[in-house]
N, C-alpha and C. Protein backbone atom coordinates (compact mmCIF):
# COMPACT_ATOMS: atom_id res chain seq x y z
N MET A 1 13.46 41.99 76.05
CA MET A 1 12.34 42.14 75.99
C MET A 1 11.26 43.24 77.08
N ILE A 2 12.34 44.27 77.34
CA ILE A 2 11.85 44.85 78.38
C ILE A 2 10.46 46.33 77.76
N GLY A 3 9.73 45.66 79.30
CA GLY A 3 8.28 46.81 79.01
C GLY A 3 7.09 45.51 78.70
N LEU A 4 7.14 44.61 78.34
CA LEU A 4 5.98 43.69 78.01
C LEU A 4 6.00 43.09 79.09
N PRO A 5 4.41 42.68 79.85
CA PRO A 5 4.08 42.40 80.17
C PRO A 5 4.75 40.78 80.12
N TYR A 6 5.06 39.88 81.82
CA TYR A 6 5.62 39.25 82.20
C TYR A 6 5.08 37.81 81.26
N TRP A 7 3.43 37.50 80.64
CA TRP A 7 2.98 36.69 79.83
C TRP A 7 3.92 36.99 78.85
N ARG A 8 3.38 38.51 77.98
CA ARG A 8 4.31 38.37 77.31
C ARG A 8 5.84 38.03 76.79
N ALA A 9 5.91 38.39 77.84
CA ALA A 9 7.48 38.54 77.43
C ALA A 9 8.06 37.14 78.59
N ASN A 10 8.18 36.90 78.34
CA ASN A 10 8.43 35.28 78.28
C ASN A 10 7.95 33.81 77.30
N MET A 11 6.34 34.65 76.93
CA MET A 11 5.67 33.91 75.84
C MET A 11 7.23 32.31 74.80
N LYS A 12 6.55 31.22 75.05
CA LYS A 12 7.16 30.56 73.98
C LYS A 12 6.93 30.37 72.40
N LEU A 13 7.69 30.21 71.39
CA LEU A 13 6.65 30.39 70.78
C LEU A 13 7.44 28.77 70.08
N THR A 14 6.35 28.24 69.18
CA THR A 14 7.72 26.66 68.81
C THR A 14 8.22 28.20 66.79
N ASP A 15 8.61 27.28 66.61
CA ASP A 15 9.35 27.09 65.35
C ASP A 15 8.13 26.96 63.73
N THR A 16 7.43 26.89 64.38
CA THR A 16 6.11 26.35 63.01
C THR A 16 5.55 27.92 63.10
N GLN A 17 4.81 28.45 64.57
CA GLN A 17 4.46 29.50 64.78
C GLN A 17 5.05 31.44 64.39
N LEU A 18 7.01 30.23 64.56
CA LEU A 18 7.11 32.23 64.38
C LEU A 18 6.95 32.12 62.33
N VAL A 19 6.83 30.70 62.01
CA VAL A 19 7.72 31.01 60.49
C VAL A 19 5.83 31.68 60.53
N VAL A 20 4.84 31.07 60.73
CA VAL A 20 3.24 31.07 60.30
C VAL A 20 3.30 32.82 60.34
N LEU A 21 3.67 33.47 62.12
CA LEU A 21 3.22 34.78 61.49
C LEU A 21 4.39 36.38 60.97
N SER A 22 5.66 34.92 61.34
CA SER A 22 6.28 36.06 60.58
C SER A 22 5.42 36.18 59.04
N ALA A 23 5.22 35.14 57.99
CA ALA A 23 3.85 35.23 57.07
C ALA A 23 2.98 36.18 56.90
N ALA A 24 2.45 36.03 57.70
CA ALA A 24 1.26 36.84 58.43
C ALA A 24 1.69 38.61 58.16
N PHE A 25 2.66 38.70 59.06
CA PHE A 25 3.68 40.01 58.63
C PHE A 25 3.68 40.69 57.73
N ASN A 26 3.92 39.82 56.59
CA ASN A 26 4.55 39.76 55.20
C ASN A 26 3.64 40.11 54.11
N ARG A 27 2.41 39.48 54.50
CA ARG A 27 0.90 40.20 53.99
C ARG A 27 0.27 41.95 54.52
N GLU A 28 -0.86 42.68 53.61
CA GLU A 28 -1.10 44.17 54.25
C GLU A 28 -1.97 43.75 54.80
N ASP A 29 -2.98 42.46 55.49
CA ASP A 29 -3.78 42.49 55.88
C ASP A 29 -3.11 42.02 57.30
N ARG A 30 -2.61 41.48 57.16
CA ARG A 30 -1.95 39.89 58.40
C ARG A 30 -2.59 38.86 58.22
N SER A 31 -2.99 38.72 57.90
CA SER A 31 -3.70 37.70 57.29
C SER A 31 -2.78 35.73 57.85
N ILE A 32 -3.41 35.46 58.93
CA ILE A 32 -2.53 34.33 58.94
C ILE A 32 -2.96 33.38 58.17
N LEU A 33 -4.05 32.84 57.53
CA LEU A 33 -3.86 32.21 55.93
C LEU A 33 -3.68 32.11 55.29
N PRO A 34 -3.11 31.73 54.15
CA PRO A 34 -2.88 30.56 53.64
C PRO A 34 -1.77 30.02 54.33
N LEU A 35 -1.73 28.61 55.01
CA LEU A 35 -0.24 28.52 56.15
C LEU A 35 0.58 28.45 54.94
N PRO A 36 1.84 27.73 55.36
CA PRO A 36 2.91 26.79 53.48
C PRO A 36 2.49 25.66 53.89
N ASP A 37 2.79 24.92 53.08
CA ASP A 37 2.16 23.77 52.62
C ASP A 37 3.03 22.74 52.94
N HIS A 38 3.70 23.07 53.55
CA HIS A 38 4.20 21.28 54.87
C HIS A 38 3.57 21.83 56.28
N ILE A 39 2.90 22.49 56.45
CA ILE A 39 1.66 22.47 57.11
C ILE A 39 0.46 22.35 56.64
N LYS A 40 0.10 20.27 57.02
CA LYS A 40 -2.00 20.39 56.14
C LYS A 40 -2.36 19.53 57.43
N GLY A 41 -3.06 19.13 57.83
CA GLY A 41 -4.83 18.37 57.79
C GLY A 41 -4.77 19.05 59.46
N GLY A 42 -4.62 18.37 60.46
CA GLY A 42 -4.57 18.49 61.96
C GLY A 42 -3.68 19.09 61.97
N ALA A 43 -2.35 19.59 61.44
CA ALA A 43 -1.49 20.34 62.87
C ALA A 43 -2.36 21.60 62.07
N ILE A 44 -3.49 22.73 60.73
CA ILE A 44 -3.46 23.88 60.96
C ILE A 44 -4.47 24.15 61.71
N VAL A 45 -5.69 23.17 63.03
CA VAL A 45 -5.22 23.57 63.63
C VAL A 45 -5.55 23.62 64.04
N LYS A 46 -4.44 22.82 64.46
CA LYS A 46 -3.52 23.21 65.79
C LYS A 46 -2.73 24.04 66.02
N VAL A 47 -2.76 24.67 65.07
CA VAL A 47 -1.46 25.46 64.92
C VAL A 47 -2.15 27.01 64.88
N CYS A 48 -3.98 27.36 64.44
CA CYS A 48 -4.52 28.57 64.14
C CYS A 48 -5.13 28.77 66.33
N THR A 49 -5.48 27.42 66.60
CA THR A 49 -6.30 27.57 67.92
C THR A 49 -5.15 27.46 68.61
N ALA A 50 -3.40 27.65 68.34
CA ALA A 50 -2.34 27.68 69.65
C ALA A 50 -2.36 29.56 69.82
N LEU A 51 -2.45 30.22 68.42
CA LEU A 51 -2.11 31.20 68.22
C LEU A 51 -3.39 32.12 68.42
N LEU A 52 -4.81 31.97 68.39
CA LEU A 52 -5.50 32.26 68.85
C LEU A 52 -5.81 32.13 70.54
N ALA A 53 -5.38 31.13 71.58
CA ALA A 53 -5.27 30.79 73.01
C ALA A 53 -4.56 31.49 73.79
N LYS A 54 -3.32 31.84 72.64
CA LYS A 54 -2.33 32.58 73.03
C LYS A 54 -2.19 33.95 72.97
N GLY A 55 -3.45 34.50 71.79
CA GLY A 55 -4.18 36.62 71.64
C GLY A 55 -3.34 36.99 70.57
N LEU A 56 -2.14 35.43 70.16
CA LEU A 56 -1.43 36.16 68.82
C LEU A 56 -2.48 35.94 67.40
N ALA A 57 -3.01 35.30 66.81
CA ALA A 57 -4.16 35.55 66.69
C ALA A 57 -5.35 36.57 66.24
N ALA A 58 -6.87 36.49 66.16
CA ALA A 58 -7.31 37.03 66.30
C ALA A 58 -8.58 36.95 65.13
N GLU A 59 -10.34 36.94 65.06
CA GLU A 59 -11.10 36.54 63.63
C GLU A 59 -11.38 38.00 63.42
N VAL A 60 -12.35 37.86 62.24
CA VAL A 60 -12.10 39.08 62.99
C VAL A 60 -13.48 38.68 61.21
N THR A 61 -14.06 39.18 60.52
CA THR A 61 -15.37 38.81 59.49
C THR A 61 -14.60 39.06 57.53
N ALA A 62 -14.23 38.19 57.65
CA ALA A 62 -14.43 37.72 56.06
C ALA A 62 -14.30 38.06 55.25
N ASN A 63 -13.40 39.17 53.91
CA ASN A 63 -14.04 39.99 52.61
C ASN A 63 -13.94 38.82 51.89
N LYS A 64 -14.36 38.81 50.29
CA LYS A 64 -14.73 37.96 49.59
C LYS A 64 -13.46 38.33 49.16
N GLY A 65 -13.41 36.41 48.89
CA GLY A 65 -12.02 36.42 49.01
C GLY A 65 -10.46 36.50 49.53
N ASP A 66 -10.91 36.68 50.30
CA ASP A 66 -10.20 36.11 52.06
C ASP A 66 -10.05 34.62 52.15
N PRO A 67 -8.87 34.55 52.91
CA PRO A 67 -8.27 33.17 53.41
C PRO A 67 -9.82 33.05 54.14
N ILE A 68 -10.70 31.61 53.98
CA ILE A 68 -11.64 32.07 55.20
C ILE A 68 -11.05 30.33 56.54
N TRP A 69 -10.87 30.84 58.08
CA TRP A 69 -10.98 30.34 58.82
C TRP A 69 -11.67 29.08 59.04
N ARG A 70 -12.77 29.68 59.83
CA ARG A 70 -14.61 29.38 59.63
C ARG A 70 -15.76 30.16 59.94
N GLU A 71 -16.34 29.25 58.74
CA GLU A 71 -17.35 29.73 58.41
C GLU A 71 -19.24 30.18 59.85
N ALA A 72 -19.40 31.33 59.23
CA ALA A 72 -20.21 31.45 60.46
C ALA A 72 -21.88 30.65 60.00
N GLY A 73 -22.51 29.57 59.75
CA GLY A 73 -23.75 29.26 59.34
C GLY A 73 -23.82 30.40 58.02
N LYS A 74 -25.31 31.43 59.17
CA LYS A 74 -25.78 31.93 58.14
C LYS A 74 -24.58 34.11 58.10
N GLY A 75 -24.69 34.33 59.49
CA GLY A 75 -23.84 35.08 59.51
C GLY A 75 -22.15 34.97 58.30
N PRO A 76 -20.99 35.87 58.34
CA PRO A 76 -20.05 36.27 57.72
C PRO A 76 -19.09 35.51 58.54
N ALA A 77 -18.41 34.91 57.41
CA ALA A 77 -17.36 33.93 57.61
C ALA A 77 -15.69 35.02 58.28
N ALA A 78 -15.66 34.00 59.34
CA ALA A 78 -14.66 34.58 59.27
C ALA A 78 -13.00 33.98 58.85
N LYS A 79 -12.07 35.68 58.55
CA LYS A 79 -10.51 35.07 58.63
C LYS A 79 -9.62 35.43 59.49
N LEU A 80 -8.68 35.10 59.78
CA LEU A 80 -7.39 35.56 61.15
C LEU A 80 -6.92 36.20 60.92
N ILE A 81 -6.06 37.41 62.27
CA ILE A 81 -5.15 38.06 61.25
C ILE A 81 -4.30 37.81 62.79
N ALA A 82 -2.73 37.85 62.00
CA ALA A 82 -2.25 38.04 63.31
C ALA A 82 -1.58 39.52 64.39
N THR A 83 -2.25 39.96 65.28
CA THR A 83 -2.42 40.58 66.72
C THR A 83 -0.96 41.98 66.99
N ASP A 84 -2.11 42.74 67.68
CA ASP A 84 -0.37 43.77 68.50
C ASP A 84 0.23 42.45 68.91
N ALA A 85 0.14 42.66 69.51
CA ALA A 85 0.87 41.46 70.79
C ALA A 85 2.23 40.41 69.15
N ALA A 86 0.99 40.14 68.31
CA ALA A 86 1.92 39.06 67.67
C ALA A 86 3.10 39.54 67.80
N ARG A 87 3.18 41.03 66.65
CA ARG A 87 3.97 41.71 66.52
C ARG A 87 5.08 41.87 67.70
N GLU A 88 3.93 42.64 68.80
CA GLU A 88 4.90 42.36 70.16
C GLU A 88 6.67 41.30 70.44
N ALA A 89 5.65 39.82 70.76
CA ALA A 89 5.91 37.92 70.61
C ALA A 89 7.26 38.11 69.84
N LEU A 90 7.49 38.38 68.33
CA LEU A 90 8.31 38.80 67.13
C LEU A 90 9.65 40.05 67.49
N GLY A 91 8.73 41.04 68.57
CA GLY A 91 10.36 41.75 69.13
C GLY A 91 10.15 42.64 67.62
N ILE A 92 9.21 43.09 66.72
CA ILE A 92 8.69 44.41 66.03
C ILE A 92 8.67 45.61 66.37
N PRO A 93 9.27 46.72 66.34
CA PRO A 93 8.24 47.66 66.58
C PRO A 93 7.68 47.58 66.13
N ALA A 94 6.65 48.71 66.92
CA ALA A 94 5.79 49.11 66.60
C ALA A 94 5.29 49.92 65.49
N ASP A 95 6.94 51.00 65.76
CA ASP A 95 7.37 52.58 64.73
C ASP A 95 7.68 51.77 63.69
N GLU A 96 7.94 50.94 63.20
CA GLU A 96 8.53 49.93 61.80
C GLU A 96 7.49 48.99 60.57
N PRO A 97 7.97 48.91 59.91
CA PRO A 97 7.62 48.21 59.22
C PRO A 97 7.65 46.82 59.26
N ALA A 98 6.73 46.16 59.15
CA ALA A 98 6.72 44.08 60.21
C ALA A 98 7.04 43.80 58.31
N ASP A 99 7.69 44.82 57.00
CA ASP A 99 7.73 43.48 56.32
C ASP A 99 9.51 42.72 56.26
N ILE A 100 9.15 41.30 57.40
CA ILE A 100 10.76 41.02 57.56
C ILE A 100 10.30 39.56 57.79
N VAL A 101 10.97 38.80 57.76
CA VAL A 101 10.29 37.12 57.51
C VAL A 101 11.90 37.24 58.71
N ILE A 102 11.04 35.95 59.31
CA ILE A 102 12.22 35.09 60.50
C ILE A 102 12.43 34.33 60.05
N ALA A 103 13.75 33.32 60.14
CA ALA A 103 14.02 32.67 59.06
C ALA A 103 14.24 31.22 60.95
N VAL A 104 13.46 30.58 60.25
CA VAL A 104 13.28 28.96 61.42
C VAL A 104 14.08 27.62 60.67
N ASP A 105 14.74 26.81 60.97
CA ASP A 105 15.39 25.91 60.54
C ASP A 105 13.76 24.47 61.62
N LEU A 106 13.65 24.44 60.06
CA LEU A 106 12.17 23.14 60.03
C LEU A 106 13.74 21.70 59.97
N ASP A 107 12.99 20.84 60.33
CA ASP A 107 13.12 19.60 60.13
C ASP A 107 12.72 18.80 58.47
N PRO A 108 13.36 17.74 57.79
CA PRO A 108 12.78 17.39 56.60
C PRO A 108 11.22 16.90 57.05
N LYS A 109 10.88 16.94 57.69
CA LYS A 109 9.52 16.44 57.66
C LYS A 109 8.81 17.49 58.00
N GLY A 110 8.91 18.23 58.21
CA GLY A 110 8.56 20.15 58.90
C GLY A 110 7.60 20.15 59.58
N ALA A 111 8.54 19.17 60.43
CA ALA A 111 8.71 19.30 62.08
C ALA A 111 9.64 19.83 62.48
N ALA A 112 9.15 20.32 63.72
CA ALA A 112 9.83 21.63 64.37
C ALA A 112 11.02 21.35 65.40
N PRO A 113 12.28 21.26 65.50
CA PRO A 113 13.06 20.77 65.95
C PRO A 113 12.88 20.90 67.55
N ALA A 114 12.96 20.32 68.42
CA ALA A 114 13.06 19.43 69.96
C ALA A 114 13.37 21.08 70.64
N ALA A 115 12.11 21.37 71.28
CA ALA A 115 12.24 22.43 71.95
C ALA A 115 13.78 22.94 73.22
N SER A 116 14.59 21.74 73.86
CA SER A 116 15.90 22.15 73.52
C SER A 116 17.37 22.32 72.86
N LYS A 117 16.36 22.20 72.14
CA LYS A 117 17.94 23.17 70.59
C LYS A 117 17.75 24.92 71.17
N ALA A 118 18.68 25.76 70.59
CA ALA A 118 18.21 26.63 70.80
C ALA A 118 18.55 27.15 69.50
N ARG A 119 18.03 28.39 68.84
CA ARG A 119 18.12 28.89 68.25
C ARG A 119 18.67 29.36 67.73
N ARG A 120 19.48 29.14 66.16
CA ARG A 120 20.76 30.29 66.05
C ARG A 120 20.55 31.29 64.95
N THR A 121 21.98 32.63 66.18
CA THR A 121 21.24 33.46 64.86
C THR A 121 22.81 34.46 64.44
N ASN A 122 21.58 34.88 63.36
CA ASN A 122 22.76 35.44 62.28
C ASN A 122 23.63 34.55 61.36
N THR A 123 23.05 33.39 61.77
CA THR A 123 23.42 32.86 59.71
C THR A 123 23.34 32.69 58.78
N LYS A 124 23.37 31.98 56.82
CA LYS A 124 23.65 32.39 56.62
C LYS A 124 22.40 31.81 55.74
N GLN A 125 21.03 31.52 56.51
CA GLN A 125 19.86 31.01 55.79
C GLN A 125 19.24 32.50 56.49
N GLU A 126 19.15 33.14 57.08
CA GLU A 126 18.81 34.38 57.46
C GLU A 126 19.17 35.82 56.89
N GLN A 127 20.88 35.88 56.67
CA GLN A 127 21.51 36.50 55.81
C GLN A 127 20.94 36.01 54.58
N LEU A 128 20.62 35.73 54.15
CA LEU A 128 20.63 34.80 52.80
C LEU A 128 18.44 35.65 52.02
N ILE A 129 18.09 35.61 53.52
CA ILE A 129 16.32 35.72 53.60
C ILE A 129 15.84 37.42 53.14
N ALA A 130 17.70 37.84 54.41
CA ALA A 130 17.74 39.13 53.62
C ALA A 130 17.74 39.96 52.71
N MET A 131 18.54 38.95 51.95
CA MET A 131 19.34 39.71 50.53
C MET A 131 17.58 39.81 49.98
N LEU A 132 17.23 38.30 49.49
CA LEU A 132 16.31 37.82 48.60
C LEU A 132 14.99 38.96 49.11
N HIS A 133 15.11 39.36 50.59
CA HIS A 133 13.52 40.45 50.52
C HIS A 133 13.78 41.68 50.09
N ALA A 134 15.20 42.26 50.15
CA ALA A 134 15.25 43.62 49.50
C ALA A 134 14.68 43.76 48.46
N ALA A 135 14.32 44.96 48.04
CA ALA A 135 13.25 45.09 46.87
C ALA A 135 14.02 45.10 45.87
N ALA A 136 15.39 45.08 45.20
CA ALA A 136 15.77 44.75 44.67
C ALA A 136 16.24 42.69 44.43
N GLY A 137 16.13 42.54 44.98
CA GLY A 137 16.61 41.28 45.10
C GLY A 137 18.25 41.35 44.96
N ALA A 138 18.04 39.33 44.95
CA ALA A 138 19.78 39.95 44.43
C ALA A 138 19.73 38.54 43.35
N SER A 139 20.56 38.36 43.03
CA SER A 139 21.03 37.64 41.61
C SER A 139 22.07 36.38 41.93
N ILE A 140 21.94 35.87 41.60
CA ILE A 140 23.27 34.20 41.93
C ILE A 140 24.42 34.44 41.84
N GLU A 141 25.13 35.29 41.20
CA GLU A 141 25.98 36.13 41.52
C GLU A 141 26.27 37.44 42.66
N GLU A 142 25.52 37.34 42.59
CA GLU A 142 25.73 38.58 44.19
C GLU A 142 25.83 37.25 45.18
N ILE A 143 25.17 37.07 44.80
CA ILE A 143 24.79 36.19 46.20
C ILE A 143 26.43 34.14 46.72
N VAL A 144 26.97 34.74 45.17
CA VAL A 144 27.78 33.16 45.42
C VAL A 144 29.30 34.16 45.97
N THR A 145 28.62 35.68 45.39
CA THR A 145 30.36 36.71 46.00
C THR A 145 29.65 36.73 47.70
N ALA A 146 28.89 36.69 48.07
CA ALA A 146 28.52 37.20 49.58
C ALA A 146 29.08 36.08 50.46
N PHE A 147 29.03 34.76 49.39
CA PHE A 147 28.83 34.20 50.83
C PHE A 147 29.81 33.05 50.29
N GLY A 148 30.52 32.87 49.55
CA GLY A 148 31.51 32.02 48.97
C GLY A 148 31.56 30.76 48.31
N TRP A 149 30.16 30.44 47.98
CA TRP A 149 28.93 29.61 47.59
C TRP A 149 29.56 29.33 46.56
N GLN A 150 29.41 28.01 45.87
CA GLN A 150 29.22 27.17 44.30
C GLN A 150 27.82 28.06 44.11
N ALA A 151 27.39 28.17 42.47
CA ALA A 151 26.24 28.74 42.56
C ALA A 151 24.57 27.80 42.27
N HIS A 152 25.80 25.94 41.81
CA HIS A 152 24.42 25.33 42.28
C HIS A 152 23.90 25.16 43.90
N THR A 153 24.73 25.58 44.71
CA THR A 153 24.77 25.96 46.19
C THR A 153 23.85 26.78 47.08
N VAL A 154 24.23 28.31 46.19
CA VAL A 154 22.70 29.05 46.02
C VAL A 154 21.09 28.75 45.42
N ARG A 155 21.25 27.89 43.87
CA ARG A 155 20.11 27.61 44.17
C ARG A 155 19.49 26.17 44.83
N GLY A 156 19.93 25.54 45.24
CA GLY A 156 19.57 24.41 46.16
C GLY A 156 19.44 24.82 47.94
N ALA A 157 20.05 26.02 47.93
CA ALA A 157 19.07 26.42 49.59
C ALA A 157 17.92 27.56 49.37
N ILE A 158 17.89 28.67 47.81
CA ILE A 158 16.71 28.40 47.36
C ILE A 158 15.44 27.90 47.42
N ALA A 159 15.95 26.38 46.76
CA ALA A 159 14.74 25.59 46.37
C ALA A 159 14.07 24.56 47.35
N GLY A 160 15.59 24.22 48.68
CA GLY A 160 15.47 23.51 49.05
C GLY A 160 14.80 24.22 50.76
N ALA A 161 15.50 24.67 51.39
CA ALA A 161 15.39 25.74 52.35
C ALA A 161 14.22 26.28 52.49
N LEU A 162 14.89 27.99 51.29
CA LEU A 162 13.36 27.74 51.41
C LEU A 162 12.86 28.72 51.89
N LYS A 163 12.39 27.30 50.02
CA LYS A 163 10.30 27.51 49.23
C LYS A 163 10.33 25.68 50.35
N LYS A 164 11.14 25.46 50.42
CA LYS A 164 11.15 24.02 50.00
C LYS A 164 10.07 23.57 52.14
N LYS A 165 10.90 24.12 52.90
CA LYS A 165 11.46 23.97 53.77
C LYS A 165 10.30 24.83 54.53
N LEU A 166 11.05 26.00 54.57
CA LEU A 166 10.29 28.01 55.17
C LEU A 166 8.75 27.96 54.35
N GLY A 167 8.61 27.51 53.40
CA GLY A 167 6.92 27.91 52.19
C GLY A 167 7.81 28.86 51.62
N LEU A 168 8.68 29.90 52.01
CA LEU A 168 8.40 31.03 50.97
C LEU A 168 8.53 31.38 50.18
N LYS A 169 7.43 32.45 49.60
CA LYS A 169 7.16 31.69 47.98
C LYS A 169 8.49 33.51 48.00
N ILE A 170 8.87 32.27 46.38
CA ILE A 170 10.13 33.11 45.85
C ILE A 170 10.20 32.94 44.08
N SER A 171 10.16 34.36 43.94
CA SER A 171 10.26 34.79 42.26
C SER A 171 11.05 34.93 42.32
N SER A 172 11.54 35.03 40.59
CA SER A 172 12.96 34.47 39.68
C SER A 172 12.05 35.32 38.34
N GLU A 173 13.03 36.07 38.52
CA GLU A 173 12.76 36.97 36.53
C GLU A 173 14.73 36.67 35.44
N LYS A 174 14.78 37.01 34.87
CA LYS A 174 16.25 37.88 34.30
C LYS A 174 15.99 38.88 33.95
N ILE A 175 17.32 39.93 34.63
CA ILE A 175 17.00 41.22 34.13
C ILE A 175 18.84 41.94 33.13
N GLU A 176 18.34 42.67 32.64
CA GLU A 176 19.66 42.07 31.69
C GLU A 176 20.95 42.84 32.32
N GLY A 177 22.26 42.03 32.45
CA GLY A 177 22.91 43.09 32.78
C GLY A 177 23.49 42.46 34.74
N ARG A 178 22.01 42.00 35.11
CA ARG A 178 22.56 40.85 36.44
C ARG A 178 22.39 39.34 36.13
N GLY A 179 21.66 39.45 35.36
CA GLY A 179 21.21 37.73 35.02
C GLY A 179 19.90 37.58 36.05
N ARG A 180 19.76 36.43 36.35
CA ARG A 180 18.13 35.72 37.03
C ARG A 180 18.86 36.50 38.69
N VAL A 181 17.44 37.02 38.55
CA VAL A 181 17.04 37.44 40.26
C VAL A 181 15.89 36.99 40.75
N TYR A 182 16.45 36.61 42.58
CA TYR A 182 15.30 36.14 43.12
C TYR A 182 15.44 36.80 44.01
N ARG A 183 13.73 37.15 44.88
CA ARG A 183 12.87 38.19 45.36
C ARG A 183 11.81 37.23 46.35
N ILE A 184 11.82 37.56 47.53
CA ILE A 184 10.80 37.55 48.04
C ILE A 184 9.55 38.25 47.99
N ILE A 185 8.90 37.42 47.91
CA ILE A 185 7.45 37.50 47.98
C ILE A 185 6.54 37.66 48.92
N ALA A 186 5.11 38.24 49.21
CA ALA A 186 5.04 38.37 50.26
C ALA A 186 3.78 37.92 50.66
């Protein structure tokens, strides 16, 4: 992270914060809300206030239909958006589109792993997310060929790891000549 201010270069983000910010950069308006389904109750406030405190999220006036972060009494309601500092913290260059997804392994209860556990890179999960994030998506057969998995393993990875654990929205449609094709929806 050369060239970033010291406090940003050494900023530690939890896996949950990475998932939330990644989802925000997959939305056109960079909205932090809605959060993935596994983040509930007091954790919502904790994650959002931590992002605000670190300067990775900002309050802006909400438009009609936007998810509301805070009601302002008689004034306009506020929503949360990811900031340019969040882009830097994720390592997304300013001149590149931010439509990426960062893969994070969460335990079955949705809690982030212990801080001492290093995050692996170039995993099959990250590769699968990249395949599903492509405009054409990926069929079961294409994923089976790429990873050497059984078809039921592919379906389980999509339903369990991607949808349930990471909270990604994935569409499925049947396309003639390709079969069932899956895509990550922003």
